Amino acid sequence: MELLEGELVVGDLDAFIETLAAIGDEYDCTIQAFDGRYVAGRLHLERALALADRAIERGENVARDRSVEILLYAAGRRQINKALEMGLEAGDNEAVVLVDGHEESADEAGAIAALESRLDLTPSPTLATEHANEELLREFFDIGAAELAATDASLAELVRERVALLDVEK
């Protein structure tokens, strides 16, 4: 799994999604873009990817598309329309783009080069995965002040717990 991070301008959202899909198909990679404000670190996305792959291997996936299954786990939600809140919108975005070559034929480096050449992305490696919006994360993942006070776990660890609990809630 590789991550591209930065400020990303999305003109036409449908065209953007089609571009990601075309690059993914061309390089045999799964590509999913996230609003970086909702990403609680690299481990958050690594865990979502691992759990999505496990669900697919077991035939327990909700989505037909691997990238959407990853989004569901990252968002800690079973409903695609609610998980999409974690995706990008038209306009300016703080983005994290996940690229994963699950198959042997995958060319992650080629996919990344294609993304960098075709997207209006201003790289910023510390923008999103280490600087998510705490207030937004707490609201989105329903983590209250009492829960934070009751544990010595970090907010990122609590978000990863929500990701893992998605399997329990099936």
Protein backbone atom coordinates (compact mmCIF):
# COMPACT_ATOMS: atom_id res chain seq x y z
CA MET A 1 0.00 0.00 0.00
CA GLU A 2 1.24 3.44 -0.96
CA LEU A 3 -0.31 6.78 -0.06
CA LEU A 4 -0.25 10.05 -1.96
CA GLU A 5 -1.09 13.04 0.19
CA GLY A 6 -1.68 16.64 -0.62
CA GLU A 7 -3.99 19.36 -1.68
CA LEU A 8 -6.12 18.13 -4.54
CA VAL A 9 -8.45 20.13 -6.74
CA VAL A 10 -11.34 18.10 -8.12
CA GLY A 11 -13.21 19.80 -10.94
CA ASP A 12 -15.76 17.20 -12.00
CA LEU A 13 -16.22 14.49 -9.35
CA ASP A 14 -17.55 11.88 -11.80
CA ALA A 15 -14.64 12.46 -14.18
CA PHE A 16 -12.23 12.24 -11.22
CA ILE A 17 -13.68 8.89 -10.14
CA GLU A 18 -13.47 7.62 -13.73
CA THR A 19 -9.81 8.69 -13.87
CA LEU A 20 -9.02 6.77 -10.68
CA ALA A 21 -10.80 3.69 -12.01
CA ALA A 22 -9.04 3.87 -15.39
CA ILE A 23 -5.61 4.21 -13.76
CA GLY A 24 -6.45 1.37 -11.39
CA ASP A 25 -7.47 -0.85 -14.30
CA GLU A 26 -4.42 0.09 -16.36
CA TYR A 27 -1.96 -0.73 -13.57
CA ASP A 28 -3.97 -3.50 -11.88
CA CYS A 29 -4.21 -1.55 -8.63
CA THR A 30 -6.97 -0.56 -6.27
CA ILE A 31 -7.18 3.20 -5.85
CA GLN A 32 -9.33 4.97 -3.28
CA ALA A 33 -9.28 8.67 -2.42
CA PHE A 34 -10.13 9.97 1.04
CA ASP A 35 -10.79 13.35 2.57
CA GLY A 36 -7.64 13.57 4.67
CA ARG A 37 -9.47 15.29 7.52
CA TYR A 38 -11.07 11.89 8.28
CA VAL A 39 -7.85 9.85 8.16
CA ALA A 40 -6.39 9.05 11.57
CA GLY A 41 -2.93 8.10 10.37
CA ARG A 42 -1.43 5.53 8.05
CA LEU A 43 -2.31 2.67 10.40
CA HIS A 44 -5.99 3.60 10.05
CA LEU A 45 -5.90 2.93 6.31
CA GLU A 46 -3.64 -0.13 6.65
CA ARG A 47 -6.16 -1.68 9.05
CA ALA A 48 -9.10 -0.83 6.78
CA LEU A 49 -7.29 -2.42 3.82
CA ALA A 50 -6.46 -5.60 5.75
CA LEU A 51 -10.02 -6.01 7.04
CA ALA A 52 -11.55 -5.30 3.63
CA ASP A 53 -9.32 -7.94 2.05
CA ARG A 54 -10.23 -10.42 4.77
CA ALA A 55 -13.95 -9.78 4.22
CA ILE A 56 -13.53 -10.29 0.47
CA GLU A 57 -11.56 -13.52 0.97
CA ARG A 58 -14.32 -14.84 3.27
CA GLY A 59 -17.10 -13.75 0.92
CA GLU A 60 -18.44 -11.40 3.61
CA ASN A 61 -17.91 -8.16 1.71
CA VAL A 62 -20.74 -5.67 1.37
CA ALA A 63 -19.43 -3.90 -1.74
CA ARG A 64 -18.64 -5.56 -5.05
CA ASP A 65 -15.70 -3.24 -5.62
CA ARG A 66 -12.56 -3.61 -3.47
CA SER A 67 -12.01 0.17 -3.29
CA VAL A 68 -15.52 0.69 -1.93
CA GLU A 69 -15.05 -2.11 0.61
CA ILE A 70 -11.88 -0.36 1.79
CA LEU A 71 -13.85 2.90 2.10
CA LEU A 72 -16.52 1.14 4.18
CA TYR A 73 -13.95 -0.19 6.61
CA ALA A 74 -12.05 3.09 6.78
CA ALA A 75 -15.31 4.86 7.61
CA GLY A 76 -16.39 2.17 10.06
CA ARG A 77 -19.78 1.98 8.35
CA ARG A 78 -21.79 -0.59 6.43
CA GLN A 79 -23.85 1.93 4.47
CA ILE A 80 -22.05 3.14 1.36
CA ASN A 81 -23.89 6.47 1.29
CA LYS A 82 -22.70 7.26 4.85
CA ALA A 83 -19.14 6.10 4.14
CA LEU A 84 -18.96 8.40 1.11
CA GLU A 85 -18.76 11.36 3.51
CA MET A 86 -15.14 10.29 3.96
CA GLY A 87 -14.54 10.65 0.22
CA LEU A 88 -13.58 13.70 -1.77
CA GLU A 89 -15.84 16.42 -3.09
CA ALA A 90 -15.66 18.75 -6.07
CA GLY A 91 -13.40 21.68 -5.26
CA ASP A 92 -10.35 21.93 -2.98
CA ASN A 93 -9.57 18.90 -0.83
CA GLU A 94 -6.99 17.76 1.69
CA ALA A 95 -6.58 14.34 0.13
CA VAL A 96 -5.07 10.97 0.86
CA VAL A 97 -5.05 8.63 -2.14
CA LEU A 98 -4.49 4.95 -1.34
CA VAL A 99 -2.87 2.83 -4.05
CA ASP A 100 -2.63 -0.92 -3.50
CA GLY A 101 -1.46 -3.55 -5.93
CA HIS A 102 -3.13 -6.65 -4.53
CA GLU A 103 -2.24 -8.88 -7.49
CA GLU A 104 1.20 -9.96 -8.70
CA SER A 105 0.60 -8.17 -12.00
CA ALA A 106 0.10 -4.85 -10.21
CA ASP A 107 2.34 -1.88 -10.92
CA GLU A 108 1.95 0.48 -7.94
CA ALA A 109 4.82 2.69 -9.08
CA GLY A 110 3.22 3.08 -12.50
CA ALA A 111 -0.15 3.88 -10.94
CA ILE A 112 1.41 6.50 -8.67
CA ALA A 113 3.25 8.11 -11.58
CA ALA A 114 0.01 8.18 -13.59
CA LEU A 115 -1.90 9.71 -10.67
CA GLU A 116 0.76 12.36 -10.16
CA SER A 117 0.70 13.28 -13.85
CA ARG A 118 -3.10 13.28 -14.27
CA LEU A 119 -4.31 14.81 -11.02
CA ASP A 120 -4.08 18.39 -9.83
CA LEU A 121 -2.30 17.31 -6.62
CA THR A 122 0.10 19.51 -4.69
CA PRO A 123 2.07 16.99 -2.62
CA SER A 124 2.20 17.54 1.12
CA PRO A 125 3.38 14.41 2.94
CA THR A 126 2.35 15.60 6.39
CA LEU A 127 -0.91 17.26 5.43
CA ALA A 128 -3.46 14.57 6.02
CA THR A 129 -2.47 11.31 7.63
CA GLU A 130 -0.85 12.91 10.63
CA HIS A 131 -2.94 16.05 10.84
CA ALA A 132 -6.54 14.90 10.62
CA ASN A 133 -9.19 17.18 12.08
CA GLU A 134 -9.68 15.90 15.67
CA GLU A 135 -13.11 17.45 16.14
CA LEU A 136 -14.34 16.08 12.83
CA LEU A 137 -12.89 12.62 13.62
CA ARG A 138 -14.58 12.52 17.00
CA GLU A 139 -17.91 13.50 15.49
CA PHE A 140 -17.69 11.16 12.48
CA PHE A 141 -16.59 8.13 14.52
CA ASP A 142 -18.85 9.02 17.50
CA ILE A 143 -16.04 9.31 20.04
CA GLY A 144 -17.16 11.44 22.95
CA ALA A 145 -15.19 13.22 25.64
CA ALA A 146 -16.20 10.59 28.22
CA GLU A 147 -14.76 7.80 26.09
CA LEU A 148 -11.51 9.70 25.60
CA ALA A 149 -11.28 10.39 29.33
CA ALA A 150 -11.93 6.73 30.22
CA THR A 151 -8.94 5.38 28.29
CA ASP A 152 -5.30 6.06 27.71
CA ALA A 153 -5.78 5.19 24.02
CA SER A 154 -5.14 7.93 21.49
CA LEU A 155 -7.84 9.22 19.17
CA ALA A 156 -6.15 7.37 16.28
CA GLU A 157 -6.28 4.12 18.27
CA LEU A 158 -9.98 4.63 19.01
CA VAL A 159 -10.66 5.24 15.31
CA ARG A 160 -8.85 1.99 14.45
CA GLU A 161 -11.02 0.26 17.05
CA ARG A 162 -14.13 1.54 15.24
CA VAL A 163 -12.73 0.14 11.99
CA ALA A 164 -12.18 -3.26 13.62
CA LEU A 165 -15.63 -3.23 15.26
CA LEU A 166 -17.28 -3.12 11.85
CA ASP A 167 -16.79 -6.90 11.65
CA VAL A 168 -18.53 -7.37 15.01
CA GLU A 169 -21.53 -5.33 13.90
CA LYS A 170 -22.24 -7.47 10.82
